[in-house]
Each structure stands twice: as C-alpha cells, then as structure tokens.
Amino acid sequence: MIMIRKRNKPHFIVPNFGAPNRKRIKDRWRRQRGIDNKKRVKKKESGPTPSIGYKNGAEVRYHRPDGSTESLVHNEMELMTLIGMKNVSARLAHDISRRKRFALQKVADQHGIRIVNRVQI
C-alpha cells in the first residue's frame, strides 16, 4: 500500500481573534476586506493568508492517507458499483439509518470493500 503524505499548511486565523471581545467569533476563515486591514495587505506579522500556493499536488489531492480514493455511498446499488475497483474506499452517507448501515457493512465485508466510517456492532 502507498502511504500518501499531504503537504502541511498553517492554521489560518481571523485577525484579532484572541482579543477579549472576540470570544464569540468562531475559528474560521473569511477573506479580509477592510480598508485598513493588515491581513488583507499581507503584512508579515499578521500571519499567513490562504492562497493557491498551499494546494496539494494533483496526484495527492482527494486521496486518503492509505492511498485510496473515497466514494460516497447511499444505498446497496451504489455499494455494488465499487466491487472490483482497486484503491477505492466507501464512505456511508450521514443520513443512513443504523439498521441499513449494518446491512451495508455486511454486504461490504462479503465483497471485500473497505468502509471508512464503520459503526461498531
């Protein structure tokens, strides 16, 4: 198996995130648009800004660390399309019931399909 290692990228934070009156601001990224904003002007002390240069290579992008790609599965028919495909893992959709998950896991085990988000029985 090939182990994929993606390039590390910094944690992009909102300016003034640690200020006492900013506790309610969630840790997320939004493009800075203020006319005096130092992050928008890309001052060195204001930290990194997301850009195209942080993108991973095409051979690594959309791959899991074990080298396989993911396919989202909603039902048994979609799971059956993955039979015989190499380097493909299945991810069960979030809106599948517990009973259906167990049934899909049983089918996947019979056909040797790897499920990423398995439910413990």
N, C-alpha and C. Protein backbone atom coordinates (compact mmCIF):
# COMPACT_ATOMS: atom_id res chain seq x y z
N MET A 1 0.82 -1.19 0.00
CA MET A 1 0.00 0.00 0.00
C MET A 1 0.87 1.25 0.00
N ILE A 2 0.45 2.24 -0.72
CA ILE A 2 1.17 3.51 -0.79
C ILE A 2 0.65 4.42 0.31
N MET A 3 1.57 5.00 1.06
CA MET A 3 1.16 5.97 2.07
C MET A 3 1.27 7.37 1.49
N ILE A 4 0.15 8.08 1.49
CA ILE A 4 0.10 9.44 0.95
C ILE A 4 0.39 10.42 2.07
N ARG A 5 1.28 11.33 1.82
CA ARG A 5 1.55 12.39 2.79
C ARG A 5 1.29 13.73 2.12
N LYS A 6 0.27 14.41 2.63
CA LYS A 6 -0.07 15.71 2.07
C LYS A 6 0.78 16.79 2.72
N ARG A 7 0.95 17.88 2.01
CA ARG A 7 1.75 18.99 2.50
C ARG A 7 1.05 19.67 3.67
N ASN A 8 1.81 20.02 4.69
CA ASN A 8 1.24 20.72 5.83
C ASN A 8 0.94 22.16 5.45
N LYS A 9 -0.14 22.69 5.99
CA LYS A 9 -0.45 24.10 5.78
C LYS A 9 -0.71 24.75 7.13
N PRO A 10 -0.50 26.05 7.24
CA PRO A 10 -0.69 26.72 8.53
C PRO A 10 -2.16 26.83 8.89
N HIS A 11 -2.39 27.17 10.13
CA HIS A 11 -3.75 27.37 10.63
C HIS A 11 -4.13 28.82 10.35
N PHE A 12 -5.05 29.04 9.43
CA PHE A 12 -5.43 30.40 9.05
C PHE A 12 -6.44 30.94 10.06
N ILE A 13 -6.07 32.02 10.73
CA ILE A 13 -6.94 32.58 11.75
C ILE A 13 -7.43 33.96 11.35
N VAL A 14 -8.54 34.37 11.96
CA VAL A 14 -9.11 35.69 11.73
C VAL A 14 -8.27 36.71 12.50
N PRO A 15 -7.98 37.88 11.94
CA PRO A 15 -7.22 38.89 12.68
C PRO A 15 -7.94 39.29 13.96
N ASN A 16 -7.16 39.60 15.00
CA ASN A 16 -7.67 39.98 16.31
C ASN A 16 -8.51 38.88 16.94
N PHE A 17 -8.23 37.65 16.58
CA PHE A 17 -9.04 36.53 17.06
C PHE A 17 -8.91 36.34 18.57
N GLY A 18 -7.73 36.65 19.13
CA GLY A 18 -7.51 36.44 20.55
C GLY A 18 -7.95 37.59 21.43
N ALA A 19 -8.49 38.65 20.84
CA ALA A 19 -8.91 39.80 21.64
C ALA A 19 -10.04 39.41 22.59
N PRO A 20 -10.11 40.01 23.77
CA PRO A 20 -11.11 39.61 24.77
C PRO A 20 -12.55 39.76 24.29
N ASN A 21 -12.83 40.76 23.45
CA ASN A 21 -14.20 40.96 23.00
C ASN A 21 -14.53 40.12 21.76
N ARG A 22 -13.62 39.23 21.36
CA ARG A 22 -13.85 38.41 20.17
C ARG A 22 -14.07 36.94 20.51
N LYS A 23 -14.44 36.64 21.73
CA LYS A 23 -14.62 35.25 22.13
C LYS A 23 -15.74 34.57 21.35
N ARG A 24 -16.71 35.37 20.92
CA ARG A 24 -17.87 34.79 20.22
C ARG A 24 -17.55 34.44 18.77
N ILE A 25 -16.42 34.92 18.23
CA ILE A 25 -16.08 34.66 16.84
C ILE A 25 -15.57 33.23 16.72
N LYS A 26 -16.15 32.47 15.82
CA LYS A 26 -15.73 31.10 15.61
C LYS A 26 -14.39 31.07 14.88
N ASP A 27 -13.65 30.01 15.10
CA ASP A 27 -12.35 29.86 14.47
C ASP A 27 -12.57 29.39 13.04
N ARG A 28 -12.67 30.34 12.11
CA ARG A 28 -12.93 30.04 10.71
C ARG A 28 -12.25 31.10 9.87
N TRP A 29 -12.18 30.90 8.58
CA TRP A 29 -11.54 31.87 7.72
C TRP A 29 -12.57 32.60 6.87
N ARG A 30 -12.46 33.90 6.83
CA ARG A 30 -13.21 34.75 5.91
C ARG A 30 -12.22 35.74 5.31
N ARG A 31 -12.33 35.99 4.04
CA ARG A 31 -11.44 36.93 3.36
C ARG A 31 -11.59 38.31 3.98
N GLN A 32 -10.46 38.95 4.27
CA GLN A 32 -10.48 40.26 4.90
C GLN A 32 -10.69 41.35 3.85
N ARG A 33 -11.64 42.24 4.10
CA ARG A 33 -12.00 43.26 3.11
C ARG A 33 -11.92 44.68 3.63
N GLY A 34 -11.47 44.86 4.86
CA GLY A 34 -11.40 46.20 5.43
C GLY A 34 -10.30 47.04 4.79
N ILE A 35 -10.50 48.34 4.70
CA ILE A 35 -9.51 49.19 4.01
C ILE A 35 -8.22 49.31 4.80
N ASP A 36 -8.27 49.17 6.11
CA ASP A 36 -7.08 49.28 6.93
C ASP A 36 -6.61 47.93 7.46
N ASN A 37 -7.13 46.86 6.95
CA ASN A 37 -6.82 45.55 7.49
C ASN A 37 -5.42 45.10 7.08
N LYS A 38 -4.62 44.73 8.08
CA LYS A 38 -3.23 44.36 7.81
C LYS A 38 -3.12 42.99 7.18
N LYS A 39 -4.09 42.14 7.45
CA LYS A 39 -4.08 40.81 6.86
C LYS A 39 -4.36 40.89 5.35
N ARG A 40 -5.23 41.81 4.95
CA ARG A 40 -5.55 41.98 3.53
C ARG A 40 -4.33 42.49 2.77
N VAL A 41 -3.56 43.37 3.41
CA VAL A 41 -2.38 43.96 2.77
C VAL A 41 -1.20 42.97 2.81
N LYS A 42 -1.38 41.86 3.55
CA LYS A 42 -0.38 40.80 3.68
C LYS A 42 0.87 41.28 4.42
N LYS A 43 0.65 41.95 5.54
CA LYS A 43 1.76 42.30 6.43
C LYS A 43 2.32 41.00 7.02
N LYS A 44 3.62 40.96 7.22
CA LYS A 44 4.27 39.73 7.64
C LYS A 44 3.82 39.30 9.04
N GLU A 45 3.64 40.27 9.94
CA GLU A 45 3.31 39.93 11.33
C GLU A 45 1.86 39.48 11.51
N SER A 46 1.02 39.65 10.50
CA SER A 46 -0.39 39.31 10.66
C SER A 46 -0.68 37.84 10.37
N GLY A 47 0.33 37.07 9.96
CA GLY A 47 0.15 35.64 9.75
C GLY A 47 -0.20 35.30 8.31
N PRO A 48 -0.21 34.00 7.99
CA PRO A 48 -0.44 33.58 6.61
C PRO A 48 -1.89 33.75 6.17
N THR A 49 -2.06 33.93 4.87
CA THR A 49 -3.37 34.06 4.24
C THR A 49 -3.54 32.90 3.26
N PRO A 50 -4.70 32.30 3.15
CA PRO A 50 -4.89 31.22 2.19
C PRO A 50 -4.61 31.69 0.76
N SER A 51 -3.91 30.87 0.01
CA SER A 51 -3.63 31.18 -1.39
C SER A 51 -3.46 29.88 -2.15
N ILE A 52 -3.38 29.98 -3.46
CA ILE A 52 -3.30 28.80 -4.30
C ILE A 52 -2.01 28.02 -4.06
N GLY A 53 -1.00 28.67 -3.49
CA GLY A 53 0.28 28.02 -3.26
C GLY A 53 0.24 26.93 -2.21
N TYR A 54 -0.79 26.89 -1.38
CA TYR A 54 -0.91 25.85 -0.35
C TYR A 54 -1.59 24.60 -0.88
N LYS A 55 -2.00 24.60 -2.13
CA LYS A 55 -2.72 23.47 -2.71
C LYS A 55 -1.78 22.27 -2.85
N ASN A 56 -2.32 21.07 -2.63
CA ASN A 56 -1.54 19.85 -2.79
C ASN A 56 -1.45 19.47 -4.27
N GLY A 57 -0.52 18.60 -4.58
CA GLY A 57 -0.33 18.16 -5.95
C GLY A 57 -1.50 17.32 -6.43
N ALA A 58 -1.66 17.22 -7.73
CA ALA A 58 -2.80 16.51 -8.33
C ALA A 58 -2.78 15.02 -8.00
N GLU A 59 -1.59 14.43 -7.84
CA GLU A 59 -1.52 13.00 -7.54
C GLU A 59 -1.87 12.69 -6.10
N VAL A 60 -1.89 13.70 -5.23
CA VAL A 60 -2.19 13.50 -3.82
C VAL A 60 -3.59 13.98 -3.46
N ARG A 61 -4.09 14.95 -4.20
CA ARG A 61 -5.36 15.58 -3.87
C ARG A 61 -6.51 14.57 -3.93
N TYR A 62 -7.45 14.69 -3.01
CA TYR A 62 -8.65 13.84 -2.89
C TYR A 62 -8.33 12.40 -2.54
N HIS A 63 -7.14 12.13 -2.01
CA HIS A 63 -6.78 10.78 -1.61
C HIS A 63 -6.72 10.69 -0.09
N ARG A 64 -6.98 9.49 0.40
CA ARG A 64 -6.87 9.22 1.82
C ARG A 64 -5.40 8.91 2.13
N PRO A 65 -5.01 8.93 3.43
CA PRO A 65 -3.61 8.65 3.76
C PRO A 65 -3.12 7.27 3.32
N ASP A 66 -4.02 6.29 3.18
CA ASP A 66 -3.60 4.97 2.73
C ASP A 66 -3.48 4.87 1.22
N GLY A 67 -3.76 5.95 0.48
CA GLY A 67 -3.60 5.96 -0.97
C GLY A 67 -4.88 5.72 -1.74
N SER A 68 -5.97 5.40 -1.05
CA SER A 68 -7.22 5.12 -1.75
C SER A 68 -8.07 6.39 -1.89
N THR A 69 -8.97 6.36 -2.88
CA THR A 69 -9.92 7.46 -3.02
C THR A 69 -11.22 7.06 -2.34
N GLU A 70 -12.05 8.06 -2.04
CA GLU A 70 -13.30 7.82 -1.34
C GLU A 70 -14.48 7.92 -2.28
N SER A 71 -15.50 7.10 -2.03
CA SER A 71 -16.73 7.18 -2.78
C SER A 71 -17.89 7.19 -1.79
N LEU A 72 -18.77 8.17 -1.92
CA LEU A 72 -19.91 8.30 -1.01
C LEU A 72 -21.01 7.33 -1.43
N VAL A 73 -21.50 6.56 -0.45
CA VAL A 73 -22.49 5.51 -0.72
C VAL A 73 -23.78 5.80 0.04
N HIS A 74 -24.90 5.77 -0.68
CA HIS A 74 -26.22 5.98 -0.06
C HIS A 74 -27.04 4.70 0.03
N ASN A 75 -26.79 3.76 -0.87
CA ASN A 75 -27.60 2.54 -0.88
C ASN A 75 -26.75 1.36 -1.39
N GLU A 76 -27.39 0.19 -1.42
CA GLU A 76 -26.68 -1.03 -1.78
C GLU A 76 -26.24 -1.03 -3.24
N MET A 77 -27.04 -0.41 -4.11
CA MET A 77 -26.69 -0.37 -5.53
C MET A 77 -25.39 0.43 -5.76
N GLU A 78 -25.26 1.54 -5.04
CA GLU A 78 -24.03 2.32 -5.15
C GLU A 78 -22.83 1.57 -4.59
N LEU A 79 -23.08 0.77 -3.55
CA LEU A 79 -22.00 -0.03 -2.96
C LEU A 79 -21.54 -1.11 -3.93
N MET A 80 -22.48 -1.69 -4.68
CA MET A 80 -22.15 -2.76 -5.62
C MET A 80 -21.29 -2.26 -6.79
N THR A 81 -21.38 -0.95 -7.10
CA THR A 81 -20.56 -0.43 -8.20
C THR A 81 -19.07 -0.40 -7.83
N LEU A 82 -18.76 -0.50 -6.54
CA LEU A 82 -17.36 -0.45 -6.09
C LEU A 82 -16.69 -1.82 -6.09
N ILE A 83 -17.44 -2.88 -6.39
CA ILE A 83 -16.87 -4.22 -6.41
C ILE A 83 -15.83 -4.32 -7.52
N GLY A 84 -14.67 -4.79 -7.17
CA GLY A 84 -13.61 -4.98 -8.16
C GLY A 84 -12.78 -3.74 -8.43
N MET A 85 -13.17 -2.60 -7.89
CA MET A 85 -12.38 -1.38 -8.10
C MET A 85 -11.24 -1.35 -7.09
N LYS A 86 -10.03 -1.14 -7.59
CA LYS A 86 -8.87 -1.09 -6.71
C LYS A 86 -8.70 0.32 -6.16
N ASN A 87 -8.16 0.40 -4.97
CA ASN A 87 -7.85 1.68 -4.31
C ASN A 87 -9.06 2.58 -4.17
N VAL A 88 -10.22 2.01 -3.85
CA VAL A 88 -11.43 2.80 -3.61
C VAL A 88 -12.01 2.36 -2.27
N SER A 89 -12.28 3.34 -1.40
CA SER A 89 -12.93 3.08 -0.13
C SER A 89 -14.32 3.68 -0.15
N ALA A 90 -15.24 3.10 0.58
CA ALA A 90 -16.61 3.60 0.64
C ALA A 90 -16.81 4.40 1.91
N ARG A 91 -17.55 5.50 1.82
CA ARG A 91 -17.97 6.27 2.99
C ARG A 91 -19.48 6.28 2.99
N LEU A 92 -20.08 5.78 4.07
CA LEU A 92 -21.53 5.74 4.16
C LEU A 92 -22.06 7.14 4.43
N ALA A 93 -23.12 7.52 3.75
CA ALA A 93 -23.70 8.85 3.89
C ALA A 93 -24.25 9.03 5.30
N HIS A 94 -24.35 10.28 5.74
CA HIS A 94 -24.72 10.56 7.13
C HIS A 94 -26.19 10.29 7.41
N ASP A 95 -27.03 10.25 6.39
CA ASP A 95 -28.47 10.10 6.62
C ASP A 95 -28.96 8.67 6.47
N ILE A 96 -28.05 7.70 6.57
CA ILE A 96 -28.45 6.29 6.51
C ILE A 96 -28.75 5.81 7.92
N SER A 97 -29.83 5.07 8.07
CA SER A 97 -30.23 4.59 9.39
C SER A 97 -29.25 3.53 9.89
N ARG A 98 -29.30 3.29 11.19
CA ARG A 98 -28.39 2.33 11.82
C ARG A 98 -28.60 0.92 11.28
N ARG A 99 -29.85 0.54 11.10
CA ARG A 99 -30.15 -0.80 10.59
C ARG A 99 -29.61 -0.98 9.17
N LYS A 100 -29.76 0.04 8.34
CA LYS A 100 -29.28 -0.02 6.96
C LYS A 100 -27.75 -0.02 6.92
N ARG A 101 -27.12 0.71 7.87
CA ARG A 101 -25.66 0.71 7.95
C ARG A 101 -25.11 -0.68 8.22
N PHE A 102 -25.73 -1.38 9.16
CA PHE A 102 -25.28 -2.74 9.46
C PHE A 102 -25.45 -3.64 8.24
N ALA A 103 -26.54 -3.48 7.52
CA ALA A 103 -26.77 -4.28 6.33
C ALA A 103 -25.72 -3.98 5.25
N LEU A 104 -25.42 -2.70 5.05
CA LEU A 104 -24.42 -2.32 4.05
C LEU A 104 -23.02 -2.80 4.45
N GLN A 105 -22.71 -2.75 5.75
CA GLN A 105 -21.42 -3.24 6.22
C GLN A 105 -21.27 -4.73 5.99
N LYS A 106 -22.35 -5.45 6.16
CA LYS A 106 -22.32 -6.90 5.94
C LYS A 106 -22.06 -7.22 4.47
N VAL A 107 -22.73 -6.47 3.58
CA VAL A 107 -22.52 -6.66 2.13
C VAL A 107 -21.09 -6.29 1.75
N ALA A 108 -20.57 -5.20 2.32
CA ALA A 108 -19.21 -4.77 2.01
C ALA A 108 -18.18 -5.79 2.47
N ASP A 109 -18.41 -6.41 3.63
CA ASP A 109 -17.49 -7.43 4.12
C ASP A 109 -17.48 -8.65 3.21
N GLN A 110 -18.63 -9.01 2.67
CA GLN A 110 -18.71 -10.16 1.78
C GLN A 110 -17.94 -9.94 0.48
N HIS A 111 -17.95 -8.69 0.00
CA HIS A 111 -17.30 -8.38 -1.28
C HIS A 111 -15.93 -7.75 -1.13
N GLY A 112 -15.45 -7.58 0.11
CA GLY A 112 -14.11 -7.06 0.34
C GLY A 112 -13.97 -5.56 0.08
N ILE A 113 -15.04 -4.82 0.32
CA ILE A 113 -14.99 -3.36 0.16
C ILE A 113 -14.71 -2.74 1.52
N ARG A 114 -13.79 -1.79 1.55
CA ARG A 114 -13.42 -1.14 2.80
C ARG A 114 -14.35 0.04 3.06
N ILE A 115 -14.94 0.09 4.27
CA ILE A 115 -15.79 1.21 4.66
C ILE A 115 -15.02 2.07 5.65
N VAL A 116 -14.96 3.36 5.36
CA VAL A 116 -14.16 4.28 6.16
C VAL A 116 -14.80 4.55 7.50
N ASN A 117 -16.10 4.84 7.53
CA ASN A 117 -16.78 5.21 8.77
C ASN A 117 -17.70 4.09 9.25
N ARG A 118 -17.06 3.01 9.68
CA ARG A 118 -17.81 1.84 10.15
C ARG A 118 -18.47 2.12 11.49
N VAL A 119 -19.60 1.44 11.73
CA VAL A 119 -20.28 1.51 13.01
C VAL A 119 -19.94 0.24 13.79
N GLN A 120 -19.55 0.42 15.05
CA GLN A 120 -19.21 -0.73 15.87
C GLN A 120 -20.50 -1.44 16.28
N ILE A 121 -20.51 -2.73 16.14
CA ILE A 121 -21.70 -3.53 16.48
C ILE A 121 -21.75 -3.79 17.96
